[in-house]
Amino acid sequence: MLLIVLYLVWEIIVRIWASMEPPEGALIRADLIFIYPVLIIMIIISLVQLVIRSAKRH
């Protein structure tokens, strides 16, 4: 959950920064190449832990 909140804060900051840049060309978001895989892996790990924890309770 914390990583998702941090990503949302980062995305807001980048969008504000991008809106201040002159529109000379396409904005290439190379940061997303690193952010999305980490987010996806961490979400999958969290979901697996949630499933395992709920299976142990029953």
Protein backbone atom coordinates (compact mmCIF):
# COMPACT_ATOMS: atom_id res chain seq x y z
CA MET A 1 0.00 0.00 0.00
CA LEU A 2 2.82 2.36 0.85
CA LEU A 3 4.47 1.84 -2.55
CA ILE A 4 1.23 2.65 -4.34
CA VAL A 5 0.83 5.86 -2.35
CA LEU A 6 4.44 6.81 -3.07
CA TYR A 7 3.89 6.09 -6.76
CA LEU A 8 0.81 8.33 -6.80
CA VAL A 9 2.76 11.15 -5.16
CA TRP A 10 5.58 10.66 -7.69
CA GLU A 11 3.09 10.69 -10.58
CA ILE A 12 1.55 13.95 -9.37
CA ILE A 13 5.00 15.55 -9.05
CA VAL A 14 6.02 14.40 -12.54
CA ARG A 15 2.78 15.67 -14.08
CA ILE A 16 3.27 19.07 -12.45
CA TRP A 17 6.86 19.14 -13.69
CA ALA A 18 5.78 18.08 -17.20
CA SER A 19 3.16 20.80 -17.36
CA MET A 20 5.85 23.41 -16.69
CA GLU A 21 8.11 22.15 -19.47
CA PRO A 22 7.83 23.77 -22.90
CA PRO A 23 5.92 21.54 -25.35
CA GLU A 24 8.85 20.95 -27.72
CA GLY A 25 8.42 17.23 -28.14
CA ALA A 26 7.19 14.00 -26.66
CA LEU A 27 7.83 13.42 -22.99
CA ILE A 28 9.54 10.07 -22.55
CA ARG A 29 8.87 8.54 -19.14
CA ALA A 30 11.90 6.29 -18.65
CA ASP A 31 11.15 6.16 -14.92
CA LEU A 32 8.12 3.98 -15.62
CA ILE A 33 10.39 1.22 -16.96
CA PHE A 34 11.64 0.79 -13.39
CA ILE A 35 8.57 1.76 -11.39
CA TYR A 36 5.94 -0.49 -13.01
CA PRO A 37 7.83 -3.79 -12.69
CA VAL A 38 8.63 -3.10 -9.03
CA LEU A 39 5.02 -2.16 -8.32
CA ILE A 40 3.66 -5.22 -10.10
CA ILE A 41 6.06 -7.59 -8.32
CA MET A 42 5.29 -6.09 -4.92
CA ILE A 43 1.53 -6.24 -5.55
CA ILE A 44 1.80 -9.90 -6.57
CA ILE A 45 3.85 -10.70 -3.46
CA SER A 46 1.28 -8.94 -1.28
CA LEU A 47 -1.61 -10.80 -2.88
CA VAL A 48 0.14 -14.16 -2.47
CA GLN A 49 0.82 -13.40 1.20
CA LEU A 50 -2.83 -12.43 1.66
CA VAL A 51 -4.04 -15.68 0.09
CA ILE A 52 -1.62 -17.78 2.16
CA ARG A 53 -2.58 -15.98 5.37
CA SER A 54 -6.30 -16.42 4.71
CA ALA A 55 -5.80 -20.11 3.83
CA LYS A 56 -4.00 -20.72 7.13
CA ARG A 57 -6.91 -19.25 9.10
CA HIS A 58 -9.41 -21.73 7.65
